[in-house]
Amino acid sequence: MQTHLPKVEAILVHCSKGINRSPAVAMALNDLFGFGCDPDVLVKQHPEATHRPYDILIQEAKK
């Protein structure tokens, strides 16, 4: 995946019941892969984001 990052223009994260979950997953992917979005701006844009999915993804990535 790292070799494709310069070519990535957008990522769509969809969860049928994930109004709060999808933004958290997108934020975690941004932080893990360095897509360049300002994390503070994302948090302000998506205050509804659930922290648990974010935390789980970050923890799993560290393993």
C-alpha atoms as a PDB file:
ATOM      1  CA  MET A   1       0.000   0.000   0.000  1.00  0.00           C
ATOM      2  CA  GLN A   2       2.796   2.446   0.820  1.00  0.00           C
ATOM      3  CA  THR A   3       3.957   2.444  -2.802  1.00  0.00           C
ATOM      4  CA  HIS A   4       0.513   3.565  -3.959  1.00  0.00           C
ATOM      5  CA  LEU A   5       0.119   6.482  -1.553  1.00  0.00           C
ATOM      6  CA  PRO A   6       1.397   9.172  -3.932  1.00  0.00           C
ATOM      7  CA  LYS A   7      -1.333   8.144  -6.388  1.00  0.00           C
ATOM      8  CA  VAL A   8      -4.221   8.232  -3.877  1.00  0.00           C
ATOM      9  CA  GLU A   9      -6.555  11.180  -4.374  1.00  0.00           C
ATOM     10  CA  ALA A  10      -9.480  10.071  -2.222  1.00  0.00           C
ATOM     11  CA  ILE A  11     -10.640   7.226  -0.041  1.00  0.00           C
ATOM     12  CA  LEU A  12     -14.280   6.416   0.577  1.00  0.00           C
ATOM     13  CA  VAL A  13     -15.165   4.723   3.852  1.00  0.00           C
ATOM     14  CA  HIS A  14     -18.725   3.438   4.022  1.00  0.00           C
ATOM     15  CA  CYS A  15     -20.552   1.593   6.759  1.00  0.00           C
ATOM     16  CA  SER A  16     -24.290   1.021   6.405  1.00  0.00           C
ATOM     17  CA  LYS A  17     -24.953   1.963  10.026  1.00  0.00           C
ATOM     18  CA  GLY A  18     -21.698   3.799  10.583  1.00  0.00           C
ATOM     19  CA  ILE A  19     -22.569   7.479  10.673  1.00  0.00           C
ATOM     20  CA  ASN A  20     -20.280   7.728  13.686  1.00  0.00           C
ATOM     21  CA  ARG A  21     -17.935   4.900  12.722  1.00  0.00           C
ATOM     22  CA  SER A  22     -16.963   5.813   9.157  1.00  0.00           C
ATOM     23  CA  PRO A  23     -15.339   9.165  10.057  1.00  0.00           C
ATOM     24  CA  ALA A  24     -13.357   7.424  12.809  1.00  0.00           C
ATOM     25  CA  VAL A  25     -12.068   4.813  10.363  1.00  0.00           C
ATOM     26  CA  ALA A  26     -11.143   7.521   7.848  1.00  0.00           C
ATOM     27  CA  MET A  27      -9.299   9.484  10.538  1.00  0.00           C
ATOM     28  CA  ALA A  28      -7.363   6.405  11.614  1.00  0.00           C
ATOM     29  CA  LEU A  29      -6.360   5.650   8.019  1.00  0.00           C
ATOM     30  CA  ASN A  30      -5.245   9.264   7.606  1.00  0.00           C
ATOM     31  CA  ASP A  31      -3.096   9.036  10.723  1.00  0.00           C
ATOM     32  CA  LEU A  32      -1.668   5.612   9.874  1.00  0.00           C
ATOM     33  CA  PHE A  33      -0.844   6.257   6.235  1.00  0.00           C
ATOM     34  CA  GLY A  34      -0.197  10.003   6.318  1.00  0.00           C
ATOM     35  CA  PHE A  35      -2.716  11.075   3.698  1.00  0.00           C
ATOM     36  CA  GLY A  36      -2.040  14.689   4.590  1.00  0.00           C
ATOM     37  CA  CYS A  37      -5.312  15.801   6.140  1.00  0.00           C
ATOM     38  CA  ASP A  38      -4.901  17.809   9.319  1.00  0.00           C
ATOM     39  CA  PRO A  39      -6.160  15.565  12.171  1.00  0.00           C
ATOM     40  CA  ASP A  40      -7.406  18.569  14.178  1.00  0.00           C
ATOM     41  CA  VAL A  41      -9.484  19.762  11.226  1.00  0.00           C
ATOM     42  CA  LEU A  42     -10.963  16.280  10.750  1.00  0.00           C
ATOM     43  CA  VAL A  43     -11.982  16.113  14.418  1.00  0.00           C
ATOM     44  CA  LYS A  44     -13.709  19.506  14.119  1.00  0.00           C
ATOM     45  CA  GLN A  45     -15.438  18.495  10.872  1.00  0.00           C
ATOM     46  CA  HIS A  46     -16.656  15.192  12.333  1.00  0.00           C
ATOM     47  CA  PRO A  47     -17.477  15.657  16.023  1.00  0.00           C
ATOM     48  CA  GLU A  48     -19.843  12.689  15.752  1.00  0.00           C
ATOM     49  CA  ALA A  49     -16.956  10.266  15.155  1.00  0.00           C
ATOM     50  CA  THR A  50     -16.819   7.381  17.592  1.00  0.00           C
ATOM     51  CA  HIS A  51     -13.428   7.049  19.264  1.00  0.00           C
ATOM     52  CA  ARG A  52     -13.516   3.268  19.805  1.00  0.00           C
ATOM     53  CA  PRO A  53     -13.055   2.239  16.137  1.00  0.00           C
ATOM     54  CA  TYR A  54     -10.239   4.776  15.813  1.00  0.00           C
ATOM     55  CA  ASP A  55      -8.496   3.481  18.934  1.00  0.00           C
ATOM     56  CA  ILE A  56      -8.839  -0.164  17.870  1.00  0.00           C
ATOM     57  CA  LEU A  57      -7.391   0.484  14.403  1.00  0.00           C
ATOM     58  CA  ILE A  58      -4.439   2.418  15.806  1.00  0.00           C
ATOM     59  CA  GLN A  59      -3.750  -0.295  18.417  1.00  0.00           C
ATOM     60  CA  GLU A  60      -3.906  -3.084  15.837  1.00  0.00           C
ATOM     61  CA  ALA A  61      -1.598  -1.228  13.489  1.00  0.00           C
ATOM     62  CA  LYS A  62       1.020  -0.993  16.224  1.00  0.00           C
ATOM     63  CA  LYS A  63       1.128  -4.778  16.663  1.00  0.00           C
END
